[in-house]
Amino acid sequence: MNAQRTVAVVLAARSEDASWDGVRYAASICGVSAPQRVDAAARAAGVSDVIVLVDSRTTPVGDCDSNGATRFVAEVSSRRALAARLAGHRVLAVCADLPLITAETIGALLRAAEGNPGAPHVAGGGALAVLADGINPVNALFQALSRFGDHPLGGQDDTAWSPADPDDLRRLAAPADVSALERIARRRKLASLAALGVIVDDDEHTYVDEPVRVGAGTRILPGTHLVGTTKVGQACTLGPDSWIEDSVVEDGAIVRYSVLESARVRERSTVGPFAHLRPRADVGPEARVGNFVEVKAARLGRGVKAGHLSYLGDAEIGEGTNIGAGTITCNYDGAGKHRTVIEDGVFIGSNVSLVAPVTIGRGAFVAAGSTITENVPPQMLALGRARQVLKERKAAPSGEEEA
């Protein structure tokens, strides 16, 4: 059959547990809610027209229609509009709590229905079906919502076809199901990455969300979480024990024992161990961000080195600059944020405070222990520290002092 003539109706109903209802359709399975996964599987199978049908206006379905699906409520006022929408189309009905459903299983069911359009085709468990020609689809769908708990679309399974994987038909029926279905979805995701040439050292302790993309030759070490819309290039090394969320990691980069949030790490850079890249951190090519360095809304140019114990916030740091240990960009004055600009080839000594707004010119040298409050011209040496004072001690050290 022509899948483009099919309308997919995603059914969502309340359960007997009000507290579970509040999270059921929003619970993340490999980074995507169950209704969104159902919607994506239907569209991947070629069904472009998707409807979300709920049993009540109070049914908490979250953003299950975020991909452009039309939402209807199962009430008298909706019957005529829904019937007009479904007229002349094959109706694929699928429960919104099938997070493991795949395009392959939906495709197999549609092909079975094409061979015998006059008969109902119901998957095991009754949560997925193609409605038979000649029946009233609105009545059938409303009835399915009213008996949503068990066999909503009928108890007589169709043996003329089989799902691509029996797990495709497992439902998210209770809180205990979240972890079980998450493990299956995660295993599938890691298998798909391995097929693309990604190396996963330990699939039991590696967590990759469905939308994440990873390039061939990248190695993911145990304890690593790739979350949200993260994109990873080729030949990277990630982990162990790293959290990378909504970030971009380019080819050949290394991220170890670190946290990245809405950040960008450019090619052949090294981050970690124990670094924290906050939103709008941009680590330039071949740069080095070491242990206990925090970067926020700052761009580091090519080859910048910030080895340890620094905070770089609201800053622009030029190519080849060295950031000494303990360097801080003092970006907040109690009322607003201000930017620090460090031009190319600057050397910042250890334990330096740069009080923004301030600019350090190209090739300048800032001595260790300085507090810089004024702009430093190019190629200049800047010292901003108190003069060292030596005084003779009036008493010899006691034993307690030595201890």
Protein backbone atom coordinates (compact mmCIF):
# COMPACT_ATOMS: atom_id res chain seq x y z
CA MET A 1 0.00 0.00 0.00
CA ASN A 2 0.97 3.63 -0.38
CA ALA A 3 2.02 4.71 3.12
CA GLN A 4 1.48 8.34 2.13
CA ARG A 5 -2.29 7.60 2.09
CA THR A 6 -2.12 6.44 5.69
CA VAL A 7 -3.01 8.58 8.70
CA ALA A 8 -1.30 7.62 11.96
CA VAL A 9 -3.39 8.24 15.08
CA VAL A 10 -1.35 8.28 18.28
CA LEU A 11 -3.59 7.42 21.23
CA ALA A 12 -2.91 8.79 24.71
CA ALA A 13 -5.11 8.16 27.75
CA ARG A 14 -4.91 8.56 31.49
CA SER A 15 -4.24 5.65 33.82
CA GLU A 16 -5.58 4.91 37.29
CA ASP A 17 -2.45 6.42 38.87
CA ALA A 18 -2.65 10.22 38.73
CA SER A 19 0.96 10.67 39.87
CA TRP A 20 2.21 8.42 37.07
CA ASP A 21 0.07 10.25 34.53
CA GLY A 22 2.01 13.42 35.25
CA VAL A 23 5.25 11.96 33.91
CA ARG A 24 4.23 9.00 31.75
CA TYR A 25 4.28 10.73 28.37
CA ALA A 26 7.17 13.02 29.28
CA ALA A 27 9.53 10.34 30.60
CA SER A 28 12.73 10.26 28.60
CA ILE A 29 13.65 7.01 26.87
CA CYS A 30 17.12 7.44 25.45
CA GLY A 31 16.56 11.19 25.46
CA VAL A 32 13.16 11.21 23.72
CA SER A 33 9.65 10.87 25.16
CA ALA A 34 7.53 7.88 24.16
CA PRO A 35 5.00 9.87 22.07
CA GLN A 36 7.81 11.61 20.20
CA ARG A 37 9.44 8.27 19.47
CA VAL A 38 6.12 6.92 18.15
CA ASP A 39 5.72 10.00 15.96
CA ALA A 40 9.27 9.66 14.60
CA ALA A 41 8.82 5.95 13.83
CA ALA A 42 5.58 6.59 11.92
CA ARG A 43 7.16 9.36 9.86
CA ALA A 44 10.24 7.23 9.16
CA ALA A 45 7.88 4.54 7.84
CA GLY A 46 6.53 7.09 5.36
CA VAL A 47 3.39 8.23 7.21
CA SER A 48 3.45 12.00 6.96
CA ASP A 49 0.01 12.72 8.44
CA VAL A 50 0.02 12.19 12.22
CA ILE A 51 -2.82 12.90 14.67
CA VAL A 52 -2.63 12.82 18.47
CA LEU A 53 -5.92 11.72 20.06
CA VAL A 54 -6.29 12.13 23.84
CA ASP A 55 -9.12 11.01 26.09
CA SER A 56 -9.44 14.32 27.93
CA ARG A 57 -8.29 17.91 27.77
CA THR A 58 -6.50 17.25 31.08
CA THR A 59 -4.48 14.31 29.78
CA PRO A 60 -0.85 15.44 30.22
CA VAL A 61 0.74 14.58 26.88
CA GLY A 62 3.40 17.29 26.97
CA ASP A 63 5.00 18.01 23.62
CA CYS A 64 3.94 14.82 21.85
CA ASP A 65 2.62 16.92 18.97
CA SER A 66 5.77 19.03 18.62
CA ASN A 67 6.57 17.58 15.18
CA GLY A 68 3.49 19.10 13.62
CA ALA A 69 0.90 16.49 14.55
CA THR A 70 -2.70 17.67 14.95
CA ARG A 71 -4.26 17.15 18.37
CA PHE A 72 -7.86 16.05 18.91
CA VAL A 73 -9.75 15.38 22.14
CA ALA A 74 -12.08 12.37 22.24
CA GLU A 75 -15.33 14.25 22.80
CA VAL A 76 -18.55 14.81 20.86
CA SER A 77 -17.38 18.10 19.36
CA SER A 78 -14.37 16.37 17.77
CA ARG A 79 -16.16 13.50 16.08
CA ARG A 80 -17.15 15.28 12.91
CA ALA A 81 -13.77 16.97 12.39
CA LEU A 82 -11.89 13.75 13.09
CA ALA A 83 -14.12 11.74 10.78
CA ALA A 84 -13.50 14.24 7.97
CA ARG A 85 -9.77 14.05 8.55
CA LEU A 86 -9.75 10.24 8.36
CA ALA A 87 -12.19 9.83 5.46
CA GLY A 88 -10.72 7.87 2.57
CA HIS A 89 -7.49 7.05 4.37
CA ARG A 90 -6.03 3.94 5.89
CA VAL A 91 -5.86 4.42 9.68
CA LEU A 92 -2.81 3.29 11.59
CA ALA A 93 -3.61 3.39 15.31
CA VAL A 94 -0.71 3.25 17.76
CA CYS A 95 -0.64 3.82 21.50
CA ALA A 96 1.57 6.67 22.68
CA ASP A 97 3.26 4.46 25.28
CA LEU A 98 5.23 2.33 22.77
CA PRO A 99 8.67 3.99 23.00
CA LEU A 100 10.49 1.13 21.27
CA ILE A 101 8.29 1.02 18.17
CA THR A 102 10.32 1.18 14.95
CA ALA A 103 9.69 2.15 11.36
CA GLU A 104 10.45 -1.44 10.35
CA THR A 105 7.64 -2.84 12.50
CA ILE A 106 5.17 -0.22 11.30
CA GLY A 107 6.19 -0.89 7.71
CA ALA A 108 5.64 -4.63 8.14
CA LEU A 109 2.15 -4.03 9.53
CA LEU A 110 1.25 -1.67 6.68
CA ARG A 111 2.38 -4.21 4.10
CA ALA A 112 0.27 -6.90 5.75
CA ALA A 113 -2.75 -4.61 5.68
CA GLU A 114 -2.19 -3.88 2.00
CA GLY A 115 -2.64 -7.55 1.17
CA ASN A 116 -5.96 -7.81 3.00
CA PRO A 117 -7.47 -4.36 3.57
CA GLY A 118 -10.85 -5.72 4.65
CA ALA A 119 -9.50 -7.37 7.80
CA PRO A 120 -8.21 -5.74 10.98
CA HIS A 121 -4.49 -6.14 11.58
CA VAL A 122 -3.64 -6.03 15.27
CA ALA A 123 -0.18 -6.39 16.78
CA GLY A 124 0.50 -8.48 19.87
CA GLY A 125 -0.87 -6.77 22.96
CA GLY A 126 -3.37 -4.75 20.97
CA ALA A 127 -1.47 -1.45 21.16
CA LEU A 128 -0.78 -1.20 17.41
CA ALA A 129 -3.22 -1.85 14.58
CA VAL A 130 -4.34 -0.95 11.08
CA LEU A 131 -8.11 -0.55 11.14
CA ALA A 132 -10.08 -2.58 8.64
CA ASP A 133 -11.85 -0.92 5.73
CA GLY A 134 -15.58 -0.55 6.23
CA ILE A 135 -15.59 0.14 9.97
CA ASN A 136 -16.17 3.50 11.62
CA PRO A 137 -12.64 4.61 12.56
CA VAL A 138 -13.77 7.29 15.02
CA ASN A 139 -15.82 4.79 17.02
CA ALA A 140 -12.94 2.32 17.04
CA LEU A 141 -10.46 4.94 18.22
CA PHE A 142 -12.74 6.29 20.95
CA GLN A 143 -13.30 2.74 22.20
CA ALA A 144 -9.55 2.13 22.24
CA LEU A 145 -9.06 5.13 24.53
CA SER A 146 -11.77 3.90 26.89
CA ARG A 147 -10.00 0.54 27.35
CA PHE A 148 -6.47 1.82 27.10
CA GLY A 149 -5.03 -0.40 29.80
CA ASP A 150 -5.27 -3.84 28.18
CA HIS A 151 -5.65 -4.67 24.47
CA PRO A 152 -7.04 -1.23 23.56
CA LEU A 153 -7.18 -2.04 19.82
CA GLY A 154 -8.38 -5.62 20.20
CA GLY A 155 -7.27 -8.89 21.69
CA GLN A 156 -7.10 -10.99 18.54
CA ASP A 157 -3.54 -10.78 17.24
CA ASP A 158 -2.85 -10.89 13.52
CA THR A 159 -0.54 -13.79 12.68
CA ALA A 160 -0.04 -12.72 9.05
CA TRP A 161 2.96 -10.59 10.02
CA SER A 162 5.46 -10.19 12.84
CA PRO A 163 7.26 -7.18 14.31
CA ALA A 164 10.87 -6.50 13.44
CA ASP A 165 11.70 -7.07 17.12
CA PRO A 166 9.27 -8.31 19.81
CA ASP A 167 10.53 -5.52 22.09
CA ASP A 168 9.00 -3.02 19.67
CA LEU A 169 5.60 -3.75 21.23
CA ARG A 170 6.57 -3.31 24.89
CA ARG A 171 4.53 -0.59 26.58
CA LEU A 172 5.49 2.06 29.09
CA ALA A 173 2.77 1.07 31.52
CA ALA A 174 4.35 1.74 34.93
CA PRO A 175 7.32 3.62 36.43
CA ALA A 176 9.29 0.37 36.67
CA ASP A 177 9.18 0.08 32.89
CA VAL A 178 11.27 3.22 32.35
CA SER A 179 14.61 1.65 33.25
CA ALA A 180 13.89 -1.60 31.38
CA LEU A 181 12.89 0.17 28.17
CA GLU A 182 15.74 2.66 28.54
CA ARG A 183 18.26 -0.21 28.57
CA ILE A 184 16.83 -1.66 25.37
CA ALA A 185 16.72 1.71 23.60
CA ARG A 186 20.26 2.52 24.70
CA ARG A 187 21.55 -0.84 23.49
CA ARG A 188 19.94 -0.23 20.10
CA LYS A 189 21.46 3.23 19.86
CA LEU A 190 24.95 1.99 20.70
CA ALA A 191 24.60 -0.83 18.17
CA SER A 192 23.68 1.70 15.48
CA LEU A 193 26.75 3.76 16.36
CA ALA A 194 28.98 0.69 16.23
CA ALA A 195 27.66 -0.04 12.74
CA LEU A 196 28.91 3.42 11.73
CA GLY A 197 32.42 2.76 13.06
CA VAL A 198 32.11 4.21 16.57
CA ILE A 199 34.03 2.32 19.28
CA VAL A 200 32.16 1.81 22.56
CA ASP A 201 34.32 0.23 25.25
CA ASP A 202 31.52 -0.70 27.66
CA ASP A 203 27.93 -0.65 26.43
CA GLU A 204 26.58 -1.28 29.92
CA HIS A 205 27.98 2.01 31.21
CA THR A 206 27.73 4.30 28.20
CA TYR A 207 24.70 6.53 27.70
CA VAL A 208 23.89 8.14 24.35
CA ASP A 209 20.59 9.89 23.58
CA GLU A 210 18.77 9.06 20.37
CA PRO A 211 19.29 12.48 18.68
CA VAL A 212 23.08 12.41 19.28
CA ARG A 213 25.32 12.02 16.23
CA VAL A 214 28.85 10.57 16.46
CA GLY A 215 31.44 10.26 13.71
CA ALA A 216 33.37 7.15 12.70
CA GLY A 217 36.51 6.30 14.60
CA THR A 218 35.43 8.06 17.79
CA ARG A 219 35.99 6.12 20.98
CA ILE A 220 33.53 6.43 23.88
CA LEU A 221 34.88 5.32 27.24
CA PRO A 222 32.78 4.06 30.20
CA GLY A 223 30.68 6.45 32.25
CA THR A 224 30.20 8.90 29.38
CA HIS A 225 26.81 10.56 28.78
CA LEU A 226 26.10 12.14 25.39
CA VAL A 227 22.89 14.06 25.91
CA GLY A 228 20.39 16.10 23.90
CA THR A 229 21.46 17.44 20.52
CA THR A 230 25.17 16.74 20.93
CA LYS A 231 27.21 16.25 17.75
CA VAL A 232 30.61 14.56 17.81
CA GLY A 233 33.04 14.43 14.92
CA GLN A 234 35.40 11.69 13.80
CA ALA A 235 38.36 10.18 15.68
CA CYS A 236 37.51 11.80 19.01
CA THR A 237 38.08 10.32 22.46
CA LEU A 238 35.29 10.93 24.97
CA GLY A 239 35.49 9.98 28.63
CA PRO A 240 35.75 8.23 30.82
CA ASP A 241 33.07 9.77 33.06
CA SER A 242 32.13 12.81 31.00
CA TRP A 243 28.80 14.62 30.63
CA ILE A 244 28.39 16.25 27.20
CA GLU A 245 25.03 17.97 26.67
CA ASP A 246 23.77 19.92 23.64
CA SER A 247 27.38 20.46 22.59
CA VAL A 248 29.61 20.11 19.53
CA VAL A 249 32.90 18.22 19.66
CA GLU A 250 34.86 18.41 16.43
CA ASP A 251 37.22 15.91 14.79
CA GLY A 252 40.13 14.61 16.81
CA ALA A 253 39.17 16.31 20.08
CA ILE A 254 39.64 14.70 23.49
CA VAL A 255 37.30 15.19 26.45
CA ARG A 256 38.18 13.43 29.71
CA TYR A 257 36.37 13.48 33.08
CA SER A 258 34.62 16.74 32.19
CA VAL A 259 31.24 18.46 31.89
CA LEU A 260 30.16 20.28 28.72
CA GLU A 261 26.88 22.21 28.50
CA SER A 262 25.95 23.93 25.22
CA ALA A 263 29.64 24.28 24.43
CA ARG A 264 31.87 23.81 21.39
CA VAL A 265 35.23 22.05 21.31
CA ARG A 266 37.01 22.49 18.01
CA GLU A 267 39.29 20.08 16.19
CA ARG A 268 42.24 18.46 17.97
CA SER A 269 41.61 20.27 21.25
CA THR A 270 41.93 18.64 24.66
CA VAL A 271 39.52 19.22 27.54
CA GLY A 272 40.01 17.87 31.06
CA PRO A 273 40.35 16.14 33.29
CA PHE A 274 37.76 17.83 35.50
CA ALA A 275 37.04 20.85 33.30
CA HIS A 276 33.64 22.54 33.09
CA LEU A 277 32.54 24.17 29.84
CA ARG A 278 29.36 26.12 30.43
CA PRO A 279 26.98 27.57 27.81
CA ARG A 280 28.65 29.44 24.92
CA ALA A 281 32.11 28.20 25.77
CA ASP A 282 34.06 27.85 22.51
CA VAL A 283 37.43 26.13 22.73
CA GLY A 284 39.44 26.83 19.60
CA PRO A 285 41.44 24.36 17.49
CA GLU A 286 44.41 22.65 19.16
CA ALA A 287 43.67 24.41 22.45
CA ARG A 288 44.12 22.94 25.91
CA VAL A 289 41.68 23.34 28.80
CA GLY A 290 43.00 21.43 31.79
CA ASN A 291 41.93 20.32 35.23
CA PHE A 292 39.57 22.50 37.25
CA VAL A 293 39.21 25.14 34.56
CA GLU A 294 35.76 26.65 34.07
CA VAL A 295 34.86 28.42 30.82
CA LYS A 296 31.60 30.34 30.32
CA ALA A 297 30.55 32.48 27.34
CA ALA A 298 34.17 32.71 26.27
CA ARG A 299 35.98 32.01 23.03
CA LEU A 300 39.48 30.56 23.15
CA GLY A 301 41.51 30.93 19.98
CA ARG A 302 43.77 28.39 18.33
CA GLY A 303 46.42 26.93 20.59
CA VAL A 304 45.31 28.66 23.79
CA LYS A 305 46.55 26.88 26.92
CA ALA A 306 44.65 27.10 30.20
CA GLY A 307 46.18 24.24 32.12
CA HIS A 308 44.57 24.40 35.53
CA LEU A 309 42.62 26.18 38.22
CA SER A 310 41.17 29.09 36.24
CA TYR A 311 37.83 30.78 35.60
CA LEU A 312 37.39 32.27 32.12
CA GLY A 313 34.00 33.94 31.79
CA ASP A 314 32.70 36.46 29.23
CA ALA A 315 36.07 36.60 27.50
CA GLU A 316 37.75 36.65 24.11
CA ILE A 317 41.16 35.00 24.21
CA GLY A 318 43.46 35.24 21.21
CA GLU A 319 45.58 32.59 19.51
CA GLY A 320 48.62 31.20 21.26
CA THR A 321 47.84 32.81 24.60
CA ASN A 322 48.97 31.14 27.82
CA ILE A 323 46.67 31.36 30.85
CA GLY A 324 48.49 30.72 34.12
CA ALA A 325 47.11 28.75 37.04
CA GLY A 326 44.66 30.65 39.21
CA THR A 327 43.74 33.22 36.55
CA ILE A 328 40.29 34.77 36.92
CA THR A 329 38.34 37.04 34.61
CA CYS A 330 36.38 39.15 37.09
CA ASN A 331 33.34 39.59 34.87
CA TYR A 332 30.61 40.55 37.36
CA ASP A 333 30.55 43.83 39.28
CA GLY A 334 27.39 43.11 41.25
CA ALA A 335 25.10 44.71 38.69
CA GLY A 336 26.17 43.46 35.24
CA LYS A 337 28.55 41.26 33.28
CA HIS A 338 31.55 42.70 31.42
CA ARG A 339 33.94 41.20 28.88
CA THR A 340 37.66 40.64 28.98
CA VAL A 341 39.62 40.74 25.72
CA ILE A 342 43.02 39.07 25.57
CA GLU A 343 44.68 39.42 22.19
CA ASP A 344 47.01 36.97 20.42
CA GLY A 345 50.24 35.72 21.94
CA VAL A 346 49.68 37.03 25.48
CA PHE A 347 51.29 35.44 28.53
CA ILE A 348 49.17 35.60 31.70
CA GLY A 349 51.08 34.59 34.81
CA SER A 350 49.71 32.58 37.70
CA ASN A 351 47.16 33.98 40.17
CA VAL A 352 46.14 36.94 38.00
CA SER A 353 42.80 38.75 38.33
CA LEU A 354 41.60 40.56 35.22
CA VAL A 355 38.89 43.03 36.26
CA ALA A 356 36.54 43.52 33.30
CA PRO A 357 36.03 45.43 31.15
CA VAL A 358 39.69 45.25 30.24
CA THR A 359 41.83 44.52 27.15
CA ILE A 360 45.27 42.93 27.18
CA GLY A 361 47.10 43.84 23.98
CA ARG A 362 48.86 41.48 21.57
CA GLY A 363 52.07 39.96 22.92
CA ALA A 364 51.73 41.53 26.38
CA PHE A 365 53.03 39.87 29.55
CA VAL A 366 51.09 40.02 32.82
CA ALA A 367 53.19 39.18 35.87
CA ALA A 368 52.06 36.56 38.37
CA GLY A 369 49.95 37.77 41.26
CA SER A 370 48.71 40.89 39.47
CA THR A 371 45.29 42.49 39.63
CA ILE A 372 44.75 44.27 36.32
CA THR A 373 42.11 47.00 36.21
CA GLU A 374 43.32 49.01 33.19
CA ASN A 375 44.03 48.14 29.58
CA VAL A 376 47.51 46.81 28.80
CA PRO A 377 49.02 48.01 25.47
CA PRO A 378 50.61 45.46 23.09
CA GLN A 379 54.05 44.06 23.97
CA MET A 380 54.01 45.66 27.43
CA LEU A 381 54.82 44.09 30.81
CA ALA A 382 52.06 44.68 33.35
CA LEU A 383 52.48 44.35 37.10
CA GLY A 384 49.66 45.09 39.44
CA ARG A 385 50.65 43.78 42.82
CA ALA A 386 51.66 45.25 46.16
CA ARG A 387 55.35 45.73 46.89
CA GLN A 388 56.90 42.93 48.93
CA VAL A 389 57.88 44.02 52.46
CA LEU A 390 60.45 42.27 54.68
CA LYS A 391 60.63 42.88 58.44
CA GLU A 392 62.93 41.41 61.02
CA ARG A 393 61.19 39.12 63.47
CA LYS A 394 61.48 40.12 67.12
CA ALA A 395 61.15 36.63 68.61
CA ALA A 396 62.52 33.24 67.65
CA PRO A 397 60.02 30.68 66.46
CA SER A 398 58.58 28.46 69.19
CA GLY A 399 58.21 24.72 68.99
CA GLU A 400 54.45 25.09 68.54
CA GLU A 401 54.94 27.28 65.50
CA GLU A 402 57.23 24.71 63.94
CA ALA A 403 54.61 22.02 64.48
